[in-house]
Amino acid sequence: MIRLRQIALVARDLDAAIEGVRTNLGVDVCFRDPGVSEFGLHNALFRIGDQFLEIVSPVTSGTTAGRLLERAGGDCGYMAIFEVDDLDTRTAHLVSLGVRTVWQGDFRQIRGRHLHPKDTGGTLVSIDQPHEVGEWHWAGPTWRESPTSTVATGITGITLGSTDPARLQQRWQHLGIDAAATYIAHPDADRLVGVNLATAHQRSHDTDFSLCGVEFTIG
């Protein structure tokens, strides 16, 4: 099993991005993870069904997220996090294909592996196995009691831009991380450029929006 569980965007101004989420998705912050300080970041998470949108922002210099902001020339997509039920098997497969791990965490509630974006292409990817299927430590201990978006019921997919989308698609399929991904031509480096959401209401033409340089499509 592999399922898209969380996406992350990076913003220079976290407070402004939070207001953007509140306005467009009708949901407030459900958790701020102190653990991201390890990466020189602060963050905010928002619940969309049992999936999550995360906004991260650098608080120190020299961070991976900060360098991405510089390369992109502003706010942009940052990361896709997948829930799996076979972390060790998948990790072994990825290692056999030359994919490096840039971070690993083994906790009582969850284990995760961040994959080197130069080895995957597309975006920074994490594969994570919670101790109990469906739980999600990164969203805090009380996420099930927090309000969810009034606009969207779930995250149905991501769009990855690439100068060679066919190559990127083949790579993600080979790695087994292509769940819920589509690929389009993009003039710059590989990047997370879109997010698809399931609507909580009848589709209208004014529900799509842009946030942190990423296009959100609701339908």
N, C-alpha and C. Protein backbone atom coordinates (compact mmCIF):
# COMPACT_ATOMS: atom_id res chain seq x y z
N MET A 1 0.84 -1.20 0.00
CA MET A 1 0.00 0.00 0.00
C MET A 1 0.87 1.24 0.00
N ILE A 2 0.56 2.18 -0.87
CA ILE A 2 1.18 3.49 -0.85
C ILE A 2 0.10 4.51 -1.11
N ARG A 3 0.07 5.55 -0.28
CA ARG A 3 -1.00 6.55 -0.36
C ARG A 3 -0.44 7.92 -0.05
N LEU A 4 -0.78 8.89 -0.89
CA LEU A 4 -0.40 10.27 -0.63
C LEU A 4 -1.09 10.74 0.64
N ARG A 5 -0.31 11.17 1.62
CA ARG A 5 -0.90 11.53 2.91
C ARG A 5 -0.69 13.00 3.27
N GLN A 6 0.38 13.59 2.76
CA GLN A 6 0.66 14.98 3.13
C GLN A 6 1.49 15.63 2.03
N ILE A 7 1.19 16.90 1.76
CA ILE A 7 2.04 17.68 0.88
C ILE A 7 2.54 18.88 1.65
N ALA A 8 3.71 19.37 1.25
CA ALA A 8 4.29 20.53 1.92
C ALA A 8 4.67 21.57 0.87
N LEU A 9 4.41 22.82 1.21
CA LEU A 9 4.82 23.97 0.42
C LEU A 9 5.78 24.79 1.27
N VAL A 10 6.63 25.57 0.61
CA VAL A 10 7.56 26.42 1.35
C VAL A 10 7.25 27.88 1.04
N ALA A 11 7.22 28.70 2.10
CA ALA A 11 6.87 30.12 1.97
C ALA A 11 7.88 30.97 2.72
N ARG A 12 8.14 32.13 2.18
CA ARG A 12 8.99 33.09 2.91
C ARG A 12 8.25 33.64 4.13
N ASP A 13 6.96 33.88 3.98
CA ASP A 13 6.15 34.49 5.04
C ASP A 13 5.10 33.46 5.48
N LEU A 14 5.36 32.79 6.58
CA LEU A 14 4.46 31.73 7.05
C LEU A 14 3.08 32.29 7.40
N ASP A 15 3.04 33.42 8.07
CA ASP A 15 1.74 33.98 8.48
C ASP A 15 0.86 34.31 7.28
N ALA A 16 1.47 34.87 6.23
CA ALA A 16 0.69 35.21 5.04
C ALA A 16 0.16 33.94 4.37
N ALA A 17 0.97 32.90 4.34
CA ALA A 17 0.54 31.63 3.73
C ALA A 17 -0.59 31.01 4.54
N ILE A 18 -0.52 31.11 5.86
CA ILE A 18 -1.59 30.59 6.72
C ILE A 18 -2.91 31.29 6.39
N GLU A 19 -2.86 32.59 6.22
CA GLU A 19 -4.08 33.33 5.87
C GLU A 19 -4.62 32.87 4.52
N GLY A 20 -3.73 32.56 3.59
CA GLY A 20 -4.16 32.07 2.30
C GLY A 20 -4.89 30.75 2.40
N VAL A 21 -4.41 29.86 3.27
CA VAL A 21 -5.08 28.58 3.47
C VAL A 21 -6.44 28.79 4.12
N ARG A 22 -6.50 29.61 5.14
CA ARG A 22 -7.77 29.89 5.81
C ARG A 22 -8.80 30.42 4.83
N THR A 23 -8.39 31.35 3.98
CA THR A 23 -9.31 31.98 3.04
C THR A 23 -9.81 30.99 1.99
N ASN A 24 -8.91 30.20 1.44
CA ASN A 24 -9.26 29.35 0.31
C ASN A 24 -9.78 27.97 0.69
N LEU A 25 -9.40 27.46 1.85
CA LEU A 25 -9.79 26.10 2.22
C LEU A 25 -10.69 26.03 3.46
N GLY A 26 -10.96 27.16 4.08
CA GLY A 26 -11.87 27.16 5.21
C GLY A 26 -11.43 26.28 6.35
N VAL A 27 -10.17 26.37 6.71
CA VAL A 27 -9.64 25.54 7.79
C VAL A 27 -8.51 26.29 8.49
N ASP A 28 -8.38 26.07 9.79
CA ASP A 28 -7.33 26.71 10.56
C ASP A 28 -6.22 25.72 10.87
N VAL A 29 -5.15 26.22 11.42
CA VAL A 29 -4.00 25.38 11.77
C VAL A 29 -4.41 24.31 12.77
N CYS A 30 -4.04 23.06 12.50
CA CYS A 30 -4.35 21.98 13.44
C CYS A 30 -3.13 21.59 14.27
N PHE A 31 -1.93 21.95 13.79
CA PHE A 31 -0.73 21.54 14.53
C PHE A 31 0.47 22.32 14.02
N ARG A 32 1.38 22.64 14.93
CA ARG A 32 2.69 23.19 14.58
C ARG A 32 3.72 22.22 15.15
N ASP A 33 4.49 21.63 14.29
CA ASP A 33 5.40 20.56 14.68
C ASP A 33 6.74 21.12 15.14
N PRO A 34 7.07 21.03 16.42
CA PRO A 34 8.37 21.55 16.88
C PRO A 34 9.54 20.77 16.30
N GLY A 35 9.29 19.56 15.81
CA GLY A 35 10.36 18.74 15.28
C GLY A 35 11.01 19.29 14.02
N VAL A 36 10.29 20.17 13.29
CA VAL A 36 10.87 20.69 12.05
C VAL A 36 11.99 21.69 12.32
N SER A 37 12.15 22.09 13.58
CA SER A 37 13.28 22.97 13.90
C SER A 37 14.60 22.29 13.60
N GLU A 38 14.61 20.95 13.58
CA GLU A 38 15.81 20.19 13.21
C GLU A 38 16.30 20.59 11.82
N PHE A 39 15.36 21.00 10.96
CA PHE A 39 15.69 21.38 9.59
C PHE A 39 15.78 22.89 9.41
N GLY A 40 15.76 23.64 10.53
CA GLY A 40 15.83 25.10 10.46
C GLY A 40 14.55 25.73 9.99
N LEU A 41 13.40 25.10 10.31
CA LEU A 41 12.10 25.55 9.82
C LEU A 41 11.13 25.76 10.97
N HIS A 42 10.06 26.50 10.69
CA HIS A 42 8.83 26.40 11.47
C HIS A 42 7.71 26.12 10.49
N ASN A 43 6.56 25.67 11.01
CA ASN A 43 5.54 25.19 10.08
C ASN A 43 4.13 25.35 10.62
N ALA A 44 3.18 25.00 9.78
CA ALA A 44 1.78 24.92 10.17
C ALA A 44 1.14 23.82 9.33
N LEU A 45 0.31 23.00 9.97
CA LEU A 45 -0.40 21.93 9.28
C LEU A 45 -1.90 22.20 9.30
N PHE A 46 -2.55 21.75 8.22
CA PHE A 46 -3.99 21.93 8.06
C PHE A 46 -4.59 20.59 7.65
N ARG A 47 -5.71 20.25 8.26
CA ARG A 47 -6.35 18.97 8.00
C ARG A 47 -7.31 19.06 6.81
N ILE A 48 -7.17 18.12 5.89
CA ILE A 48 -8.09 17.97 4.75
C ILE A 48 -8.54 16.51 4.75
N GLY A 49 -9.68 16.24 5.37
CA GLY A 49 -10.07 14.84 5.60
C GLY A 49 -9.10 14.19 6.56
N ASP A 50 -8.48 13.09 6.12
CA ASP A 50 -7.42 12.49 6.95
C ASP A 50 -6.05 12.69 6.30
N GLN A 51 -5.96 13.72 5.45
CA GLN A 51 -4.70 14.11 4.83
C GLN A 51 -4.34 15.53 5.26
N PHE A 52 -3.15 15.98 4.88
CA PHE A 52 -2.67 17.23 5.45
C PHE A 52 -1.92 18.08 4.44
N LEU A 53 -2.15 19.37 4.54
CA LEU A 53 -1.37 20.38 3.84
C LEU A 53 -0.47 21.04 4.87
N GLU A 54 0.80 21.11 4.56
CA GLU A 54 1.78 21.71 5.46
C GLU A 54 2.44 22.89 4.75
N ILE A 55 2.63 23.96 5.49
CA ILE A 55 3.43 25.09 5.02
C ILE A 55 4.65 25.17 5.91
N VAL A 56 5.84 25.20 5.31
CA VAL A 56 7.07 25.37 6.06
C VAL A 56 7.73 26.68 5.65
N SER A 57 8.55 27.22 6.55
CA SER A 57 9.25 28.46 6.26
C SER A 57 10.57 28.46 7.03
N PRO A 58 11.66 28.87 6.40
CA PRO A 58 12.97 28.86 7.08
C PRO A 58 13.03 29.88 8.21
N VAL A 59 13.71 29.49 9.26
CA VAL A 59 13.99 30.43 10.36
C VAL A 59 15.48 30.58 10.58
N THR A 60 16.27 29.78 9.87
CA THR A 60 17.73 29.91 9.90
C THR A 60 18.24 29.92 8.46
N SER A 61 19.47 30.34 8.30
CA SER A 61 20.07 30.37 6.96
C SER A 61 20.63 28.99 6.61
N GLY A 62 20.80 28.77 5.32
CA GLY A 62 21.45 27.54 4.85
C GLY A 62 20.57 26.32 4.86
N THR A 63 19.25 26.48 4.90
CA THR A 63 18.36 25.33 4.91
C THR A 63 18.07 24.85 3.48
N THR A 64 17.68 23.58 3.36
CA THR A 64 17.27 23.06 2.06
C THR A 64 16.08 23.84 1.53
N ALA A 65 15.12 24.13 2.40
CA ALA A 65 13.93 24.88 1.99
C ALA A 65 14.32 26.29 1.54
N GLY A 66 15.23 26.91 2.24
CA GLY A 66 15.67 28.25 1.88
C GLY A 66 16.36 28.29 0.52
N ARG A 67 17.18 27.28 0.26
CA ARG A 67 17.84 27.20 -1.04
C ARG A 67 16.83 26.99 -2.16
N LEU A 68 15.79 26.20 -1.87
CA LEU A 68 14.74 26.00 -2.87
C LEU A 68 14.01 27.30 -3.16
N LEU A 69 13.72 28.09 -2.14
CA LEU A 69 13.10 29.40 -2.35
C LEU A 69 13.95 30.27 -3.26
N GLU A 70 15.26 30.24 -3.06
CA GLU A 70 16.15 31.04 -3.89
C GLU A 70 16.13 30.56 -5.34
N ARG A 71 16.21 29.25 -5.53
CA ARG A 71 16.23 28.72 -6.90
C ARG A 71 14.92 28.99 -7.63
N ALA A 72 13.82 28.87 -6.90
CA ALA A 72 12.50 29.05 -7.51
C ALA A 72 12.14 30.52 -7.67
N GLY A 73 12.84 31.39 -6.98
CA GLY A 73 12.53 32.81 -7.03
C GLY A 73 11.30 33.19 -6.23
N GLY A 74 10.94 32.35 -5.25
CA GLY A 74 9.78 32.64 -4.42
C GLY A 74 9.14 31.38 -3.89
N ASP A 75 7.98 31.52 -3.26
CA ASP A 75 7.27 30.39 -2.67
C ASP A 75 7.00 29.31 -3.72
N CYS A 76 7.01 28.05 -3.27
CA CYS A 76 6.85 26.96 -4.24
C CYS A 76 6.51 25.66 -3.52
N GLY A 77 6.26 24.63 -4.31
CA GLY A 77 6.05 23.30 -3.75
C GLY A 77 7.34 22.75 -3.16
N TYR A 78 7.20 21.93 -2.13
CA TYR A 78 8.38 21.48 -1.39
C TYR A 78 8.49 19.96 -1.27
N MET A 79 7.39 19.27 -0.95
CA MET A 79 7.53 17.88 -0.55
C MET A 79 6.22 17.12 -0.71
N ALA A 80 6.33 15.82 -1.02
CA ALA A 80 5.20 14.90 -1.02
C ALA A 80 5.53 13.75 -0.06
N ILE A 81 4.61 13.48 0.86
CA ILE A 81 4.83 12.45 1.88
C ILE A 81 3.80 11.34 1.69
N PHE A 82 4.28 10.12 1.56
CA PHE A 82 3.42 8.97 1.31
C PHE A 82 3.39 8.04 2.51
N GLU A 83 2.20 7.59 2.85
CA GLU A 83 2.05 6.54 3.86
C GLU A 83 2.21 5.19 3.17
N VAL A 84 3.03 4.31 3.76
CA VAL A 84 3.22 2.96 3.23
C VAL A 84 3.06 1.96 4.36
N ASP A 85 2.86 0.70 3.98
CA ASP A 85 2.78 -0.35 5.01
C ASP A 85 3.92 -1.36 4.87
N ASP A 86 4.94 -1.02 4.06
CA ASP A 86 6.06 -1.92 3.80
C ASP A 86 7.35 -1.13 3.64
N LEU A 87 7.64 -0.29 4.62
CA LEU A 87 8.76 0.64 4.53
C LEU A 87 10.08 -0.05 4.22
N ASP A 88 10.38 -1.14 4.93
CA ASP A 88 11.67 -1.79 4.74
C ASP A 88 11.82 -2.36 3.34
N THR A 89 10.76 -2.97 2.82
CA THR A 89 10.80 -3.52 1.47
C THR A 89 10.98 -2.42 0.45
N ARG A 90 10.23 -1.34 0.59
CA ARG A 90 10.35 -0.23 -0.34
C ARG A 90 11.72 0.43 -0.26
N THR A 91 12.23 0.59 0.94
CA THR A 91 13.55 1.20 1.09
C THR A 91 14.62 0.36 0.41
N ALA A 92 14.54 -0.95 0.59
CA ALA A 92 15.50 -1.84 -0.05
C ALA A 92 15.43 -1.72 -1.58
N HIS A 93 14.21 -1.64 -2.10
CA HIS A 93 14.03 -1.49 -3.54
C HIS A 93 14.64 -0.18 -4.03
N LEU A 94 14.39 0.90 -3.31
CA LEU A 94 14.91 2.20 -3.70
C LEU A 94 16.44 2.22 -3.63
N VAL A 95 17.00 1.64 -2.60
CA VAL A 95 18.45 1.58 -2.47
C VAL A 95 19.06 0.80 -3.63
N SER A 96 18.40 -0.28 -4.04
CA SER A 96 18.91 -1.09 -5.15
C SER A 96 18.92 -0.30 -6.46
N LEU A 97 18.12 0.75 -6.53
CA LEU A 97 18.06 1.59 -7.73
C LEU A 97 18.90 2.86 -7.58
N GLY A 98 19.69 2.91 -6.52
CA GLY A 98 20.61 4.02 -6.34
C GLY A 98 20.03 5.24 -5.68
N VAL A 99 18.87 5.11 -5.05
CA VAL A 99 18.25 6.26 -4.38
C VAL A 99 18.83 6.41 -2.98
N ARG A 100 19.35 7.57 -2.70
CA ARG A 100 19.92 7.85 -1.39
C ARG A 100 18.86 8.37 -0.42
N THR A 101 19.10 8.15 0.86
CA THR A 101 18.24 8.69 1.91
C THR A 101 18.95 9.88 2.54
N VAL A 102 18.28 11.03 2.59
CA VAL A 102 18.89 12.23 3.15
C VAL A 102 18.51 12.44 4.61
N TRP A 103 17.49 11.74 5.07
CA TRP A 103 17.10 11.80 6.49
C TRP A 103 16.28 10.56 6.79
N GLN A 104 16.46 10.03 8.00
CA GLN A 104 15.59 8.95 8.45
C GLN A 104 15.25 9.16 9.92
N GLY A 105 14.01 8.83 10.23
CA GLY A 105 13.55 8.94 11.61
C GLY A 105 12.82 7.67 12.01
N ASP A 106 13.17 7.15 13.15
CA ASP A 106 12.52 5.94 13.67
C ASP A 106 11.99 6.25 15.06
N PHE A 107 10.68 6.43 15.13
CA PHE A 107 10.03 6.79 16.37
C PHE A 107 9.02 5.72 16.76
N ARG A 108 8.54 5.80 17.96
CA ARG A 108 7.57 4.81 18.43
C ARG A 108 6.31 4.84 17.57
N GLN A 109 5.89 6.03 17.14
CA GLN A 109 4.62 6.17 16.42
C GLN A 109 4.76 5.99 14.91
N ILE A 110 5.96 6.26 14.37
CA ILE A 110 6.11 6.29 12.91
C ILE A 110 7.58 6.19 12.54
N ARG A 111 7.84 5.63 11.35
CA ARG A 111 9.19 5.63 10.79
C ARG A 111 9.13 6.30 9.42
N GLY A 112 10.12 7.13 9.11
CA GLY A 112 10.11 7.83 7.83
C GLY A 112 11.48 7.90 7.19
N ARG A 113 11.48 8.02 5.86
CA ARG A 113 12.70 8.15 5.08
C ARG A 113 12.52 9.25 4.04
N HIS A 114 13.36 10.28 4.10
CA HIS A 114 13.35 11.32 3.09
C HIS A 114 14.33 10.91 1.98
N LEU A 115 13.86 10.91 0.75
CA LEU A 115 14.66 10.46 -0.38
C LEU A 115 15.35 11.64 -1.06
N HIS A 116 16.54 11.40 -1.56
CA HIS A 116 17.30 12.48 -2.18
C HIS A 116 16.58 12.96 -3.45
N PRO A 117 16.22 14.24 -3.53
CA PRO A 117 15.45 14.71 -4.69
C PRO A 117 16.21 14.57 -6.01
N LYS A 118 17.54 14.57 -5.97
CA LYS A 118 18.28 14.38 -7.21
C LYS A 118 18.17 12.94 -7.73
N ASP A 119 17.82 12.03 -6.83
CA ASP A 119 17.67 10.63 -7.23
C ASP A 119 16.25 10.29 -7.64
N THR A 120 15.27 11.05 -7.15
CA THR A 120 13.88 10.79 -7.51
C THR A 120 13.41 11.70 -8.64
N GLY A 121 13.87 12.96 -8.62
CA GLY A 121 13.30 13.97 -9.50
C GLY A 121 11.94 14.38 -8.99
N GLY A 122 11.42 15.45 -9.56
CA GLY A 122 10.06 15.86 -9.23
C GLY A 122 9.96 16.76 -8.03
N THR A 123 10.25 16.21 -6.86
CA THR A 123 10.18 16.97 -5.62
C THR A 123 10.80 16.13 -4.52
N LEU A 124 11.01 16.72 -3.37
CA LEU A 124 11.44 15.96 -2.21
C LEU A 124 10.32 14.99 -1.83
N VAL A 125 10.67 13.73 -1.60
CA VAL A 125 9.71 12.67 -1.30
C VAL A 125 10.07 12.02 0.03
N SER A 126 9.04 11.72 0.81
CA SER A 126 9.24 10.92 2.01
C SER A 126 8.28 9.74 1.98
N ILE A 127 8.77 8.57 2.38
CA ILE A 127 7.91 7.40 2.58
C ILE A 127 7.90 7.10 4.07
N ASP A 128 6.69 6.95 4.63
CA ASP A 128 6.52 6.88 6.08
C ASP A 128 5.55 5.77 6.45
N GLN A 129 5.91 5.01 7.47
CA GLN A 129 5.05 3.92 7.94
C GLN A 129 4.67 4.16 9.39
N PRO A 130 3.41 4.51 9.64
CA PRO A 130 2.96 4.67 11.03
C PRO A 130 2.84 3.31 11.71
N HIS A 131 2.95 3.32 13.02
CA HIS A 131 2.82 2.07 13.77
C HIS A 131 1.43 1.47 13.56
N GLU A 132 0.42 2.32 13.50
CA GLU A 132 -0.93 1.89 13.20
C GLU A 132 -1.36 2.52 11.89
N VAL A 133 -1.80 1.69 10.94
CA VAL A 133 -2.24 2.20 9.65
C VAL A 133 -3.31 3.28 9.85
N GLY A 134 -3.13 4.40 9.17
CA GLY A 134 -4.09 5.50 9.26
C GLY A 134 -3.75 6.56 10.28
N GLU A 135 -2.91 6.24 11.26
CA GLU A 135 -2.48 7.27 12.20
C GLU A 135 -1.44 8.16 11.52
N TRP A 136 -1.19 9.34 12.09
CA TRP A 136 -0.25 10.25 11.44
C TRP A 136 0.40 11.16 12.49
N HIS A 137 1.54 10.71 12.97
CA HIS A 137 2.26 11.38 14.04
C HIS A 137 2.62 12.82 13.69
N TRP A 138 2.92 13.08 12.41
CA TRP A 138 3.37 14.41 12.01
C TRP A 138 2.28 15.48 12.21
N ALA A 139 1.04 15.07 12.36
CA ALA A 139 -0.05 16.03 12.53
C ALA A 139 -0.42 16.24 14.00
N GLY A 140 0.35 15.67 14.90
CA GLY A 140 0.08 15.86 16.32
C GLY A 140 -0.85 14.81 16.91
N PRO A 141 -0.91 14.75 18.21
CA PRO A 141 -1.66 13.67 18.88
C PRO A 141 -3.17 13.81 18.84
N THR A 142 -3.68 14.99 18.49
CA THR A 142 -5.14 15.20 18.54
C THR A 142 -5.71 15.62 17.19
N TRP A 143 -5.06 15.22 16.11
CA TRP A 143 -5.51 15.70 14.80
C TRP A 143 -6.92 15.23 14.46
N ARG A 144 -7.31 14.06 14.96
CA ARG A 144 -8.65 13.55 14.64
C ARG A 144 -9.75 14.42 15.26
N GLU A 145 -9.43 15.18 16.29
CA GLU A 145 -10.41 16.06 16.92
C GLU A 145 -10.41 17.46 16.32
N SER A 146 -9.46 17.77 15.45
CA SER A 146 -9.35 19.11 14.90
C SER A 146 -10.28 19.29 13.71
N PRO A 147 -10.76 20.50 13.46
CA PRO A 147 -11.63 20.74 12.31
C PRO A 147 -10.92 20.45 11.00
N THR A 148 -11.67 19.98 10.01
CA THR A 148 -11.13 19.75 8.68
C THR A 148 -11.63 20.82 7.73
N SER A 149 -11.08 20.86 6.55
CA SER A 149 -11.46 21.86 5.57
C SER A 149 -12.95 21.79 5.25
N THR A 150 -13.58 22.95 5.13
CA THR A 150 -14.98 23.01 4.73
C THR A 150 -15.12 23.06 3.21
N VAL A 151 -13.99 23.16 2.51
CA VAL A 151 -14.00 23.31 1.06
C VAL A 151 -13.63 22.01 0.35
N ALA A 152 -12.68 21.27 0.91
CA ALA A 152 -12.19 20.05 0.28
C ALA A 152 -12.24 18.89 1.25
N THR A 153 -12.46 17.70 0.72
CA THR A 153 -12.55 16.50 1.55
C THR A 153 -11.30 15.63 1.51
N GLY A 154 -10.39 15.91 0.57
CA GLY A 154 -9.19 15.10 0.48
C GLY A 154 -8.25 15.62 -0.59
N ILE A 155 -7.01 15.14 -0.54
CA ILE A 155 -6.00 15.44 -1.56
C ILE A 155 -5.95 14.25 -2.51
N THR A 156 -6.34 14.47 -3.75
CA THR A 156 -6.45 13.35 -4.69
C THR A 156 -5.21 13.18 -5.56
N GLY A 157 -4.35 14.18 -5.63
CA GLY A 157 -3.16 14.02 -6.46
C GLY A 157 -2.29 15.24 -6.47
N ILE A 158 -1.12 15.07 -7.09
CA ILE A 158 -0.17 16.17 -7.27
C ILE A 158 0.22 16.23 -8.74
N THR A 159 0.63 17.41 -9.17
CA THR A 159 1.15 17.59 -10.52
C THR A 159 2.61 18.01 -10.42
N LEU A 160 3.46 17.30 -11.15
CA LEU A 160 4.89 17.57 -11.16
C LEU A 160 5.27 18.15 -12.51
N GLY A 161 5.94 19.29 -12.48
CA GLY A 161 6.44 19.89 -13.70
C GLY A 161 7.87 19.48 -13.95
N SER A 162 8.22 19.29 -15.22
CA SER A 162 9.57 18.85 -15.58
C SER A 162 9.89 19.28 -17.00
N THR A 163 11.15 19.51 -17.27
CA THR A 163 11.57 19.76 -18.64
C THR A 163 11.44 18.51 -19.50
N ASP A 164 11.35 17.35 -18.85
CA ASP A 164 11.16 16.08 -19.55
C ASP A 164 10.15 15.25 -18.77
N PRO A 165 8.86 15.57 -18.88
CA PRO A 165 7.85 14.89 -18.05
C PRO A 165 7.77 13.39 -18.30
N ALA A 166 8.01 12.93 -19.53
CA ALA A 166 7.95 11.50 -19.81
C ALA A 166 9.05 10.75 -19.05
N ARG A 167 10.24 11.35 -19.01
CA ARG A 167 11.33 10.75 -18.26
C ARG A 167 11.01 10.69 -16.78
N LEU A 168 10.46 11.79 -16.26
CA LEU A 168 10.13 11.84 -14.83
C LEU A 168 9.06 10.80 -14.49
N GLN A 169 8.05 10.69 -15.33
CA GLN A 169 7.00 9.70 -15.08
C GLN A 169 7.57 8.29 -15.06
N GLN A 170 8.43 7.99 -16.01
CA GLN A 170 9.05 6.66 -16.05
C GLN A 170 9.87 6.40 -14.80
N ARG A 171 10.59 7.42 -14.34
CA ARG A 171 11.42 7.27 -13.14
C ARG A 171 10.55 6.99 -11.92
N TRP A 172 9.49 7.77 -11.72
CA TRP A 172 8.63 7.58 -10.55
C TRP A 172 7.92 6.22 -10.59
N GLN A 173 7.53 5.79 -11.78
CA GLN A 173 6.91 4.47 -11.90
C GLN A 173 7.90 3.39 -11.53
N HIS A 174 9.13 3.52 -11.99
CA HIS A 174 10.17 2.53 -11.70
C HIS A 174 10.47 2.48 -10.20
N LEU A 175 10.42 3.63 -9.55
CA LEU A 175 10.69 3.69 -8.12
C LEU A 175 9.49 3.26 -7.29
N GLY A 176 8.31 3.20 -7.89
CA GLY A 176 7.11 2.81 -7.16
C GLY A 176 6.53 3.90 -6.30
N ILE A 177 6.77 5.17 -6.69
CA ILE A 177 6.26 6.30 -5.89
C ILE A 177 5.31 7.16 -6.72
N ASP A 178 4.76 6.59 -7.79
CA ASP A 178 3.96 7.38 -8.73
C ASP A 178 2.48 7.47 -8.34
N ALA A 179 2.12 7.00 -7.16
CA ALA A 179 0.72 7.07 -6.73
C ALA A 179 0.23 8.51 -6.76
N ALA A 180 -0.84 8.74 -7.49
CA ALA A 180 -1.54 10.03 -7.50
C ALA A 180 -0.74 11.16 -8.11
N ALA A 181 0.21 10.85 -9.01
CA ALA A 181 1.01 11.90 -9.63
C ALA A 181 0.71 12.00 -11.12
N THR A 182 0.66 13.23 -11.62
CA THR A 182 0.63 13.50 -13.05
C THR A 182 1.80 14.40 -13.40
N TYR A 183 2.14 14.48 -14.68
CA TYR A 183 3.39 15.11 -15.08
C TYR A 183 3.12 16.04 -16.26
N ILE A 184 3.65 17.25 -16.18
CA ILE A 184 3.47 18.22 -17.26
C ILE A 184 4.81 18.87 -17.57
N ALA A 185 4.89 19.49 -18.75
CA ALA A 185 6.09 20.20 -19.13
C ALA A 185 6.23 21.48 -18.31
N HIS A 186 7.47 21.75 -17.90
CA HIS A 186 7.77 22.94 -17.09
C HIS A 186 9.11 23.47 -17.55
N PRO A 187 9.26 24.78 -17.72
CA PRO A 187 10.49 25.32 -18.32
C PRO A 187 11.71 25.25 -17.42
N ASP A 188 11.52 25.12 -16.12
CA ASP A 188 12.65 25.12 -15.20
C ASP A 188 12.92 23.71 -14.68
N ALA A 189 13.52 23.62 -13.54
CA ALA A 189 13.83 22.32 -12.93
C ALA A 189 12.56 21.61 -12.49
N ASP A 190 12.67 20.30 -12.25
CA ASP A 190 11.54 19.53 -11.74
C ASP A 190 10.97 20.21 -10.50
N ARG A 191 9.64 20.23 -10.43
CA ARG A 191 9.02 20.96 -9.32
C ARG A 191 7.59 20.49 -9.11
N LEU A 192 7.15 20.52 -7.84
CA LEU A 192 5.75 20.30 -7.51
C LEU A 192 4.98 21.57 -7.84
N VAL A 193 4.10 21.48 -8.85
CA VAL A 193 3.45 22.69 -9.35
C VAL A 193 1.94 22.70 -9.16
N GLY A 194 1.35 21.55 -8.80
CA GLY A 194 -0.10 21.52 -8.67
C GLY A 194 -0.57 20.51 -7.64
N VAL A 195 -1.74 20.77 -7.09
CA VAL A 195 -2.38 19.88 -6.12
C VAL A 195 -3.85 19.75 -6.51
N ASN A 196 -4.34 18.53 -6.54
CA ASN A 196 -5.75 18.28 -6.83
C ASN A 196 -6.48 17.92 -5.54
N LEU A 197 -7.64 18.52 -5.34
CA LEU A 197 -8.43 18.30 -4.14
C LEU A 197 -9.82 17.82 -4.51
N ALA A 198 -10.39 16.96 -3.67
CA ALA A 198 -11.78 16.55 -3.83
C ALA A 198 -12.66 17.61 -3.19
N THR A 199 -13.71 18.00 -3.90
CA THR A 199 -14.55 19.08 -3.42
C THR A 199 -15.55 18.61 -2.38
N ALA A 200 -15.83 19.49 -1.44
CA ALA A 200 -16.86 19.22 -0.44
C ALA A 200 -18.21 19.77 -0.89
N HIS A 201 -18.23 20.48 -2.02
CA HIS A 201 -19.45 21.10 -2.51
C HIS A 201 -19.56 20.87 -4.01
N GLN A 202 -20.66 21.28 -4.59
CA GLN A 202 -20.81 21.21 -6.03
C GLN A 202 -19.76 22.09 -6.70
N ARG A 203 -19.18 21.58 -7.78
CA ARG A 203 -18.10 22.29 -8.46
C ARG A 203 -18.56 23.64 -9.00
N SER A 204 -17.73 24.66 -8.76
CA SER A 204 -17.98 25.96 -9.35
C SER A 204 -16.69 26.44 -10.01
N HIS A 205 -16.78 27.47 -10.83
CA HIS A 205 -15.62 27.90 -11.61
C HIS A 205 -14.66 28.78 -10.83
N ASP A 206 -15.03 29.20 -9.65
CA ASP A 206 -14.18 30.13 -8.92
C ASP A 206 -13.54 29.51 -7.68
N THR A 207 -13.48 28.17 -7.64
CA THR A 207 -12.93 27.53 -6.46
C THR A 207 -11.44 27.23 -6.58
N ASP A 208 -10.90 27.19 -7.80
CA ASP A 208 -9.46 26.95 -7.96
C ASP A 208 -8.69 28.17 -7.45
N PHE A 209 -7.49 27.94 -6.97
CA PHE A 209 -6.71 29.05 -6.44
C PHE A 209 -5.23 28.71 -6.48
N SER A 210 -4.40 29.72 -6.29
CA SER A 210 -2.95 29.57 -6.23
C SER A 210 -2.49 29.87 -4.81
N LEU A 211 -1.58 29.05 -4.31
CA LEU A 211 -1.03 29.24 -2.98
C LEU A 211 0.44 28.85 -3.00
N CYS A 212 1.29 29.75 -2.56
CA CYS A 212 2.73 29.50 -2.51
C CYS A 212 3.27 29.06 -3.87
N GLY A 213 2.75 29.66 -4.93
CA GLY A 213 3.23 29.34 -6.26
C GLY A 213 2.73 28.03 -6.81
N VAL A 214 1.82 27.38 -6.13
CA VAL A 214 1.27 26.08 -6.54
C VAL A 214 -0.21 26.25 -6.88
N GLU A 215 -0.63 25.64 -7.98
CA GLU A 215 -2.02 25.74 -8.42
C GLU A 215 -2.85 24.64 -7.79
N PHE A 216 -3.92 25.01 -7.11
CA PHE A 216 -4.83 24.06 -6.47
C PHE A 216 -6.10 23.96 -7.32
N THR A 217 -6.45 22.74 -7.69
CA THR A 217 -7.65 22.47 -8.46
C THR A 217 -8.61 21.67 -7.61
N ILE A 218 -9.84 22.17 -7.49
CA ILE A 218 -10.83 21.50 -6.66
C ILE A 218 -11.93 20.96 -7.56
N GLY A 219 -12.20 19.67 -7.47
CA GLY A 219 -13.23 19.10 -8.32
C GLY A 219 -13.29 17.59 -8.23
